[in-house]
Amino acid sequence: MDEFAHRVLRDACEACEACEACEAVSSVSSEESEEPEEFARASAVYDTYFDPADGSSNLDVCAPVGTIFAAYDSRSRRGRTGRHQMLAGT
């Protein structure tokens, strides 16, 4: 389930070339991938980070599962602090 959720989120950030929001994503990083996956987009301004299926180890007891994500300004790669975080959610 973790790998499937990762692929769905990654594909959503890459596939839609007509969407302005997708065009703004420069890379995706996930706990399911060892290295960040970068997209070659000149206008991209967001590096995204996510846990695609947080809590998936609790599925056998019907506990909640969700996605945690954050986006940082890709133009400020030095010293990733909360100041560079553009958005986050669950």
PDB file of N, CA and C in Angstrom:
ATOM      1  N   MET A   1       0.820  -1.194   0.000  1.00  0.00           N
ATOM      2  CA  MET A   1       0.000   0.000   0.000  1.00  0.00           C
ATOM      3  C   MET A   1       0.861   1.254   0.000  1.00  0.00           C
ATOM      4  N   ASP A   2       1.968   1.237   0.751  1.00  0.00           N
ATOM      5  CA  ASP A   2       2.861   2.392   0.807  1.00  0.00           C
ATOM      6  C   ASP A   2       3.413   2.749  -0.572  1.00  0.00           C
ATOM      7  N   GLU A   3       3.884   1.749  -1.287  1.00  0.00           N
ATOM      8  CA  GLU A   3       4.459   1.993  -2.606  1.00  0.00           C
ATOM      9  C   GLU A   3       3.405   2.457  -3.610  1.00  0.00           C
ATOM     10  N   PHE A   4       2.212   1.902  -3.523  1.00  0.00           N
ATOM     11  CA  PHE A   4       1.128   2.336  -4.403  1.00  0.00           C
ATOM     12  C   PHE A   4       0.783   3.802  -4.146  1.00  0.00           C
ATOM     13  N   ALA A   5       0.652   4.179  -2.873  1.00  0.00           N
ATOM     14  CA  ALA A   5       0.334   5.564  -2.528  1.00  0.00           C
ATOM     15  C   ALA A   5       1.436   6.509  -3.000  1.00  0.00           C
ATOM     16  N   HIS A   6       2.689   6.070  -2.887  1.00  0.00           N
ATOM     17  CA  HIS A   6       3.817   6.886  -3.367  1.00  0.00           C
ATOM     18  C   HIS A   6       3.690   7.118  -4.872  1.00  0.00           C
ATOM     19  N   ARG A   7       3.430   6.060  -5.631  1.00  0.00           N
ATOM     20  CA  ARG A   7       3.314   6.190  -7.092  1.00  0.00           C
ATOM     21  C   ARG A   7       2.167   7.117  -7.482  1.00  0.00           C
ATOM     22  N   VAL A   8       1.045   7.014  -6.771  1.00  0.00           N
ATOM     23  CA  VAL A   8      -0.103   7.874  -7.087  1.00  0.00           C
ATOM     24  C   VAL A   8       0.254   9.347  -6.880  1.00  0.00           C
ATOM     25  N   LEU A   9       0.870   9.661  -5.748  1.00  0.00           N
ATOM     26  CA  LEU A   9       1.234  11.057  -5.475  1.00  0.00           C
ATOM     27  C   LEU A   9       2.320  11.558  -6.423  1.00  0.00           C
ATOM     28  N   ARG A  10       3.327  10.713  -6.678  1.00  0.00           N
ATOM     29  CA  ARG A  10       4.399  11.107  -7.579  1.00  0.00           C
ATOM     30  C   ARG A  10       3.844  11.363  -8.981  1.00  0.00           C
ATOM     31  N   ASP A  11       3.022  10.452  -9.471  1.00  0.00           N
ATOM     32  CA  ASP A  11       2.443  10.612 -10.804  1.00  0.00           C
ATOM     33  C   ASP A  11       1.557  11.846 -10.884  1.00  0.00           C
ATOM     34  N   ALA A  12       0.856  12.156  -9.823  1.00  0.00           N
ATOM     35  CA  ALA A  12       0.009  13.346  -9.810  1.00  0.00           C
ATOM     36  C   ALA A  12       0.851  14.620  -9.911  1.00  0.00           C
ATOM     37  N   CYS A  13       2.020  14.613  -9.331  1.00  0.00           N
ATOM     38  CA  CYS A  13       2.900  15.786  -9.394  1.00  0.00           C
ATOM     39  C   CYS A  13       3.614  15.903 -10.733  1.00  0.00           C
ATOM     40  N   GLU A  14       3.771  14.802 -11.440  1.00  0.00           N
ATOM     41  CA  GLU A  14       4.510  14.820 -12.703  1.00  0.00           C
ATOM     42  C   GLU A  14       3.630  14.866 -13.936  1.00  0.00           C
ATOM     43  N   ALA A  15       2.564  14.107 -13.952  1.00  0.00           N
ATOM     44  CA  ALA A  15       1.844  13.802 -15.187  1.00  0.00           C
ATOM     45  C   ALA A  15       1.116  14.971 -15.832  1.00  0.00           C
ATOM     46  N   CYS A  16       0.523  15.820 -15.073  1.00  0.00           N
ATOM     47  CA  CYS A  16      -0.370  16.844 -15.620  1.00  0.00           C
ATOM     48  C   CYS A  16       0.427  18.068 -16.066  1.00  0.00           C
ATOM     49  N   GLU A  17       0.875  18.069 -17.304  1.00  0.00           N
ATOM     50  CA  GLU A  17       1.672  19.184 -17.799  1.00  0.00           C
ATOM     51  C   GLU A  17       0.830  20.417 -18.108  1.00  0.00           C
ATOM     52  N   ALA A  18      -0.474  20.262 -18.227  1.00  0.00           N
ATOM     53  CA  ALA A  18      -1.342  21.394 -18.527  1.00  0.00           C
ATOM     54  C   ALA A  18      -1.758  22.164 -17.282  1.00  0.00           C
ATOM     55  N   CYS A  19      -1.509  21.597 -16.121  1.00  0.00           N
ATOM     56  CA  CYS A  19      -1.954  22.189 -14.862  1.00  0.00           C
ATOM     57  C   CYS A  19      -0.880  23.101 -14.284  1.00  0.00           C
ATOM     58  N   GLU A  20      -1.229  24.323 -13.954  1.00  0.00           N
ATOM     59  CA  GLU A  20      -0.257  25.258 -13.384  1.00  0.00           C
ATOM     60  C   GLU A  20       0.303  24.771 -12.056  1.00  0.00           C
ATOM     61  N   ALA A  21      -0.513  24.126 -11.235  1.00  0.00           N
ATOM     62  CA  ALA A  21      -0.040  23.639  -9.939  1.00  0.00           C
ATOM     63  C   ALA A  21       1.029  22.568 -10.127  1.00  0.00           C
ATOM     64  N   CYS A  22       0.809  21.648 -11.062  1.00  0.00           N
ATOM     65  CA  CYS A  22       1.788  20.588 -11.315  1.00  0.00           C
ATOM     66  C   CYS A  22       3.083  21.158 -11.868  1.00  0.00           C
ATOM     67  N   GLU A  23       2.981  22.139 -12.723  1.00  0.00           N
ATOM     68  CA  GLU A  23       4.163  22.758 -13.307  1.00  0.00           C
ATOM     69  C   GLU A  23       5.028  23.434 -12.253  1.00  0.00           C
ATOM     70  N   ALA A  24       4.467  23.731 -11.101  1.00  0.00           N
ATOM     71  CA  ALA A  24       5.213  24.414 -10.039  1.00  0.00           C
ATOM     72  C   ALA A  24       6.032  23.448  -9.191  1.00  0.00           C
ATOM     73  N   VAL A  25       5.848  22.133  -9.344  1.00  0.00           N
ATOM     74  CA  VAL A  25       6.562  21.145  -8.530  1.00  0.00           C
ATOM     75  C   VAL A  25       7.888  20.804  -9.208  1.00  0.00           C
ATOM     76  N   SER A  26       9.002  21.037  -8.494  1.00  0.00           N
ATOM     77  CA  SER A  26      10.318  20.739  -9.060  1.00  0.00           C
ATOM     78  C   SER A  26      10.844  19.380  -8.640  1.00  0.00           C
ATOM     79  N   SER A  27      10.417  18.873  -7.467  1.00  0.00           N
ATOM     80  CA  SER A  27      10.869  17.552  -7.032  1.00  0.00           C
ATOM     81  C   SER A  27       9.898  16.975  -6.015  1.00  0.00           C
ATOM     82  N   VAL A  28       9.948  15.650  -5.886  1.00  0.00           N
ATOM     83  CA  VAL A  28       9.178  14.948  -4.862  1.00  0.00           C
ATOM     84  C   VAL A  28      10.126  14.057  -4.070  1.00  0.00           C
ATOM     85  N   SER A  29       9.936  14.053  -2.769  1.00  0.00           N
ATOM     86  CA  SER A  29      10.705  13.183  -1.874  1.00  0.00           C
ATOM     87  C   SER A  29       9.706  12.469  -0.977  1.00  0.00           C
ATOM     88  N   SER A  30       9.963  11.195  -0.757  1.00  0.00           N
ATOM     89  CA  SER A  30       9.039  10.386   0.012  1.00  0.00           C
ATOM     90  C   SER A  30       9.826   9.407   0.856  1.00  0.00           C
ATOM     91  N   GLU A  31       9.220   8.927   1.912  1.00  0.00           N
ATOM     92  CA  GLU A  31       9.886   7.913   2.710  1.00  0.00           C
ATOM     93  C   GLU A  31       9.977   6.601   1.930  1.00  0.00           C
ATOM     94  N   GLU A  32       9.243   6.493   0.840  1.00  0.00           N
ATOM     95  CA  GLU A  32       9.268   5.294   0.005  1.00  0.00           C
ATOM     96  C   GLU A  32      10.338   5.338  -1.081  1.00  0.00           C
ATOM     97  N   SER A  33      11.007   6.471  -1.276  1.00  0.00           N
ATOM     98  CA  SER A  33      12.071   6.564  -2.276  1.00  0.00           C
ATOM     99  C   SER A  33      13.372   6.969  -1.593  1.00  0.00           C
ATOM    100  N   GLU A  34      14.468   6.410  -2.079  1.00  0.00           N
ATOM    101  CA  GLU A  34      15.752   6.685  -1.451  1.00  0.00           C
ATOM    102  C   GLU A  34      16.308   8.056  -1.815  1.00  0.00           C
ATOM    103  N   GLU A  35      16.051   8.516  -3.030  1.00  0.00           N
ATOM    104  CA  GLU A  35      16.540   9.804  -3.511  1.00  0.00           C
ATOM    105  C   GLU A  35      15.355  10.651  -3.977  1.00  0.00           C
ATOM    106  N   PRO A  36      15.483  11.971  -3.899  1.00  0.00           N
ATOM    107  CA  PRO A  36      14.430  12.829  -4.453  1.00  0.00           C
ATOM    108  C   PRO A  36      14.302  12.608  -5.961  1.00  0.00           C
ATOM    109  N   GLU A  37      13.097  12.699  -6.465  1.00  0.00           N
ATOM    110  CA  GLU A  37      12.852  12.581  -7.896  1.00  0.00           C
ATOM    111  C   GLU A  37      12.608  13.988  -8.422  1.00  0.00           C
ATOM    112  N   GLU A  38      13.489  14.449  -9.302  1.00  0.00           N
ATOM    113  CA  GLU A  38      13.408  15.821  -9.806  1.00  0.00           C
ATOM    114  C   GLU A  38      12.771  15.855 -11.175  1.00  0.00           C
ATOM    115  N   PHE A  39      12.032  16.931 -11.429  1.00  0.00           N
ATOM    116  CA  PHE A  39      11.394  17.165 -12.712  1.00  0.00           C
ATOM    117  C   PHE A  39      12.075  18.374 -13.354  1.00  0.00           C
ATOM    118  N   ALA A  40      12.360  18.291 -14.636  1.00  0.00           N
ATOM    119  CA  ALA A  40      13.025  19.389 -15.347  1.00  0.00           C
ATOM    120  C   ALA A  40      11.980  20.423 -15.766  1.00  0.00           C
ATOM    121  N   ARG A  41      11.759  21.387 -14.902  1.00  0.00           N
ATOM    122  CA  ARG A  41      10.779  22.439 -15.176  1.00  0.00           C
ATOM    123  C   ARG A  41      11.377  23.781 -14.795  1.00  0.00           C
ATOM    124  N   ALA A  42      11.455  24.672 -15.739  1.00  0.00           N
ATOM    125  CA  ALA A  42      12.083  25.972 -15.506  1.00  0.00           C
ATOM    126  C   ALA A  42      11.301  26.833 -14.518  1.00  0.00           C
ATOM    127  N   SER A  43       9.984  26.715 -14.518  1.00  0.00           N
ATOM    128  CA  SER A  43       9.165  27.584 -13.673  1.00  0.00           C
ATOM    129  C   SER A  43       8.844  26.980 -12.308  1.00  0.00           C
ATOM    130  N   ALA A  44       9.388  25.817 -12.008  1.00  0.00           N
ATOM    131  CA  ALA A  44       9.046  25.116 -10.769  1.00  0.00           C
ATOM    132  C   ALA A  44       9.597  25.837  -9.545  1.00  0.00           C
ATOM    133  N   VAL A  45       8.794  25.914  -8.497  1.00  0.00           N
ATOM    134  CA  VAL A  45       9.220  26.594  -7.271  1.00  0.00           C
ATOM    135  C   VAL A  45       9.005  25.778  -6.008  1.00  0.00           C
ATOM    136  N   TYR A  46       8.460  24.552  -6.103  1.00  0.00           N
ATOM    137  CA  TYR A  46       8.180  23.757  -4.910  1.00  0.00           C
ATOM    138  C   TYR A  46       8.933  22.428  -4.913  1.00  0.00           C
ATOM    139  N   ASP A  47       9.622  22.152  -3.814  1.00  0.00           N
ATOM    140  CA  ASP A  47      10.141  20.817  -3.531  1.00  0.00           C
ATOM    141  C   ASP A  47       9.139  20.208  -2.566  1.00  0.00           C
ATOM    142  N   THR A  48       8.577  19.071  -2.904  1.00  0.00           N
ATOM    143  CA  THR A  48       7.544  18.463  -2.071  1.00  0.00           C
ATOM    144  C   THR A  48       8.088  17.249  -1.320  1.00  0.00           C
ATOM    145  N   TYR A  49       7.602  17.074  -0.117  1.00  0.00           N
ATOM    146  CA  TYR A  49       7.983  15.962   0.751  1.00  0.00           C
ATOM    147  C   TYR A  49       6.696  15.347   1.293  1.00  0.00           C
ATOM    148  N   PHE A  50       6.622  14.016   1.302  1.00  0.00           N
ATOM    149  CA  PHE A  50       5.413  13.409   1.830  1.00  0.00           C
ATOM    150  C   PHE A  50       5.655  12.013   2.373  1.00  0.00           C
ATOM    151  N   ASP A  51       4.788  11.645   3.290  1.00  0.00           N
ATOM    152  CA  ASP A  51       4.648  10.262   3.748  1.00  0.00           C
ATOM    153  C   ASP A  51       3.316   9.829   3.149  1.00  0.00           C
ATOM    154  N   PRO A  52       3.348   9.039   2.086  1.00  0.00           N
ATOM    155  CA  PRO A  52       2.129   8.782   1.330  1.00  0.00           C
ATOM    156  C   PRO A  52       1.052   7.998   2.062  1.00  0.00           C
ATOM    157  N   ALA A  53       1.436   7.131   2.986  1.00  0.00           N
ATOM    158  CA  ALA A  53       0.433   6.333   3.707  1.00  0.00           C
ATOM    159  C   ALA A  53       0.854   6.228   5.170  1.00  0.00           C
ATOM    160  N   ASP A  54       0.816   7.350   5.859  1.00  0.00           N
ATOM    161  CA  ASP A  54       1.204   7.380   7.268  1.00  0.00           C
ATOM    162  C   ASP A  54       0.218   6.548   8.080  1.00  0.00           C
ATOM    163  N   GLY A  55       0.737   5.621   8.858  1.00  0.00           N
ATOM    164  CA  GLY A  55      -0.107   4.760   9.675  1.00  0.00           C
ATOM    165  C   GLY A  55      -0.486   3.455   9.013  1.00  0.00           C
ATOM    166  N   SER A  56       0.106   3.156   7.857  1.00  0.00           N
ATOM    167  CA  SER A  56      -0.277   1.938   7.135  1.00  0.00           C
ATOM    168  C   SER A  56       0.025   0.670   7.924  1.00  0.00           C
ATOM    169  N   SER A  57       0.951   0.726   8.863  1.00  0.00           N
ATOM    170  CA  SER A  57       1.243  -0.461   9.673  1.00  0.00           C
ATOM    171  C   SER A  57       0.089  -0.798  10.625  1.00  0.00           C
ATOM    172  N   ASN A  58      -0.856   0.118  10.779  1.00  0.00           N
ATOM    173  CA  ASN A  58      -1.994  -0.098  11.666  1.00  0.00           C
ATOM    174  C   ASN A  58      -3.257  -0.557  10.929  1.00  0.00           C
ATOM    175  N   LEU A  59      -3.134  -0.878   9.651  1.00  0.00           N
ATOM    176  CA  LEU A  59      -4.310  -1.276   8.877  1.00  0.00           C
ATOM    177  C   LEU A  59      -4.980  -2.529   9.422  1.00  0.00           C
ATOM    178  N   ASP A  60      -4.193  -3.438   9.971  1.00  0.00           N
ATOM    179  CA  ASP A  60      -4.775  -4.682  10.468  1.00  0.00           C
ATOM    180  C   ASP A  60      -5.694  -4.481  11.670  1.00  0.00           C
ATOM    181  N   VAL A  61      -5.639  -3.319  12.312  1.00  0.00           N
ATOM    182  CA  VAL A  61      -6.530  -3.034  13.441  1.00  0.00           C
ATOM    183  C   VAL A  61      -7.497  -1.890  13.116  1.00  0.00           C
ATOM    184  N   CYS A  62      -7.648  -1.611  11.813  1.00  0.00           N
ATOM    185  CA  CYS A  62      -8.591  -0.587  11.322  1.00  0.00           C
ATOM    186  C   CYS A  62      -8.313   0.804  11.891  1.00  0.00           C
ATOM    187  N   ALA A  63      -7.057   1.139  12.096  1.00  0.00           N
ATOM    188  CA  ALA A  63      -6.688   2.475  12.567  1.00  0.00           C
ATOM    189  C   ALA A  63      -6.635   3.428  11.369  1.00  0.00           C
ATOM    190  N   PRO A  64      -6.757   4.723  11.617  1.00  0.00           N
ATOM    191  CA  PRO A  64      -6.727   5.690  10.515  1.00  0.00           C
ATOM    192  C   PRO A  64      -5.386   5.700   9.768  1.00  0.00           C
ATOM    193  N   VAL A  65      -5.480   5.943   8.478  1.00  0.00           N
ATOM    194  CA  VAL A  65      -4.322   6.080   7.605  1.00  0.00           C
ATOM    195  C   VAL A  65      -4.484   7.395   6.868  1.00  0.00           C
ATOM    196  N   GLY A  66      -3.396   8.127   6.678  1.00  0.00           N
ATOM    197  CA  GLY A  66      -3.489   9.395   5.985  1.00  0.00           C
ATOM    198  C   GLY A  66      -2.192   9.739   5.289  1.00  0.00           C
ATOM    199  N   THR A  67      -2.177  10.876   4.647  1.00  0.00           N
ATOM    200  CA  THR A  67      -0.996  11.385   3.956  1.00  0.00           C
ATOM    201  C   THR A  67      -0.541  12.656   4.644  1.00  0.00           C
ATOM    202  N   ILE A  68       0.755  12.754   4.863  1.00  0.00           N
ATOM    203  CA  ILE A  68       1.357  13.962   5.429  1.00  0.00           C
ATOM    204  C   ILE A  68       2.226  14.567   4.336  1.00  0.00           C
ATOM    205  N   PHE A  69       2.125  15.887   4.112  1.00  0.00           N
ATOM    206  CA  PHE A  69       2.920  16.498   3.053  1.00  0.00           C
ATOM    207  C   PHE A  69       3.376  17.899   3.430  1.00  0.00           C
ATOM    208  N   ALA A  70       4.416  18.333   2.756  1.00  0.00           N
ATOM    209  CA  ALA A  70       4.935  19.695   2.923  1.00  0.00           C
ATOM    210  C   ALA A  70       5.585  20.121   1.615  1.00  0.00           C
ATOM    211  N   ALA A  71       5.632  21.406   1.381  1.00  0.00           N
ATOM    212  CA  ALA A  71       6.307  21.947   0.200  1.00  0.00           C
ATOM    213  C   ALA A  71       7.213  23.085   0.647  1.00  0.00           C
ATOM    214  N   TYR A  72       8.408  23.093   0.084  1.00  0.00           N
ATOM    215  CA  TYR A  72       9.400  24.115   0.387  1.00  0.00           C
ATOM    216  C   TYR A  72       9.740  24.878  -0.869  1.00  0.00           C
ATOM    217  N   ASP A  73      10.222  26.080  -0.695  1.00  0.00           N
ATOM    218  CA  ASP A  73      10.672  26.917  -1.794  1.00  0.00           C
ATOM    219  C   ASP A  73      11.938  26.294  -2.384  1.00  0.00           C
ATOM    220  N   SER A  74      11.883  25.849  -3.623  1.00  0.00           N
ATOM    221  CA  SER A  74      13.025  25.165  -4.239  1.00  0.00           C
ATOM    222  C   SER A  74      14.176  26.115  -4.534  1.00  0.00           C
ATOM    223  N   ARG A  75      13.918  27.409  -4.503  1.00  0.00           N
ATOM    224  CA  ARG A  75      14.985  28.375  -4.762  1.00  0.00           C
ATOM    225  C   ARG A  75      15.856  28.598  -3.535  1.00  0.00           C
ATOM    226  N   SER A  76      15.427  28.098  -2.361  1.00  0.00           N
ATOM    227  CA  SER A  76      16.186  28.245  -1.120  1.00  0.00           C
ATOM    228  C   SER A  76      16.545  26.864  -0.588  1.00  0.00           C
ATOM    229  N   ARG A  77      17.527  26.238  -1.181  1.00  0.00           N
ATOM    230  CA  ARG A  77      17.881  24.870  -0.792  1.00  0.00           C
ATOM    231  C   ARG A  77      18.799  24.820   0.417  1.00  0.00           C
ATOM    232  N   ARG A  78      19.404  25.922   0.788  1.00  0.00           N
ATOM    233  CA  ARG A  78      20.321  25.910   1.921  1.00  0.00           C
ATOM    234  C   ARG A  78      19.549  26.110   3.220  1.00  0.00           C
ATOM    235  N   GLY A  79      19.847  25.300   4.218  1.00  0.00           N
ATOM    236  CA  GLY A  79      19.265  25.474   5.542  1.00  0.00           C
ATOM    237  C   GLY A  79      17.764  25.302   5.601  1.00  0.00           C
ATOM    238  N   ARG A  80      17.239  24.193   5.140  1.00  0.00           N
ATOM    239  CA  ARG A  80      15.797  23.959   5.134  1.00  0.00           C
ATOM    240  C   ARG A  80      15.228  24.089   6.537  1.00  0.00           C
ATOM    241  N   THR A  81      14.631  25.209   6.812  1.00  0.00           N
ATOM    242  CA  THR A  81      13.987  25.451   8.097  1.00  0.00           C
ATOM    243  C   THR A  81      12.514  25.749   7.843  1.00  0.00           C
ATOM    244  N   GLY A  82      11.794  25.981   8.897  1.00  0.00           N
ATOM    245  CA  GLY A  82      10.388  26.328   8.781  1.00  0.00           C
ATOM    246  C   GLY A  82      10.158  27.613   7.994  1.00  0.00           C
ATOM    247  N   ARG A  83      11.145  28.485   7.925  1.00  0.00           N
ATOM    248  CA  ARG A  83      10.999  29.717   7.146  1.00  0.00           C
ATOM    249  C   ARG A  83      10.846  29.462   5.656  1.00  0.00           C
ATOM    250  N   HIS A  84      11.424  28.363   5.186  1.00  0.00           N
ATOM    251  CA  HIS A  84      11.355  28.031   3.776  1.00  0.00           C
ATOM    252  C   HIS A  84      10.125  27.186   3.428  1.00  0.00           C
ATOM    253  N   GLN A  85       9.434  26.718   4.447  1.00  0.00           N
ATOM    254  CA  GLN A  85       8.254  25.887   4.188  1.00  0.00           C
ATOM    255  C   GLN A  85       7.119  26.767   3.704  1.00  0.00           C
ATOM    256  N   MET A  86       6.553  26.380   2.548  1.00  0.00           N
ATOM    257  CA  MET A  86       5.492  27.163   1.932  1.00  0.00           C
ATOM    258  C   MET A  86       4.108  26.679   2.368  1.00  0.00           C
ATOM    259  N   LEU A  87       3.969  25.354   2.569  1.00  0.00           N
ATOM    260  CA  LEU A  87       2.694  24.799   2.998  1.00  0.00           C
ATOM    261  C   LEU A  87       2.905  23.415   3.561  1.00  0.00           C
ATOM    262  N   ALA A  88       1.928  22.943   4.308  1.00  0.00           N
ATOM    263  CA  ALA A  88       1.949  21.593   4.867  1.00  0.00           C
ATOM    264  C   ALA A  88       0.514  21.168   5.144  1.00  0.00           C
ATOM    265  N   GLY A  89       0.313  19.870   5.241  1.00  0.00           N
ATOM    266  CA  GLY A  89      -1.036  19.385   5.517  1.00  0.00           C
ATOM    267  C   GLY A  89      -1.061  17.898   5.788  1.00  0.00           C
ATOM    268  N   THR A  90      -2.231  17.427   6.145  1.00  0.00           N
ATOM    269  CA  THR A  90      -2.439  16.002   6.377  1.00  0.00           C
ATOM    270  C   THR A  90      -3.662  15.541   5.620  1.00  0.00           C
TER     271      THR A  90
END
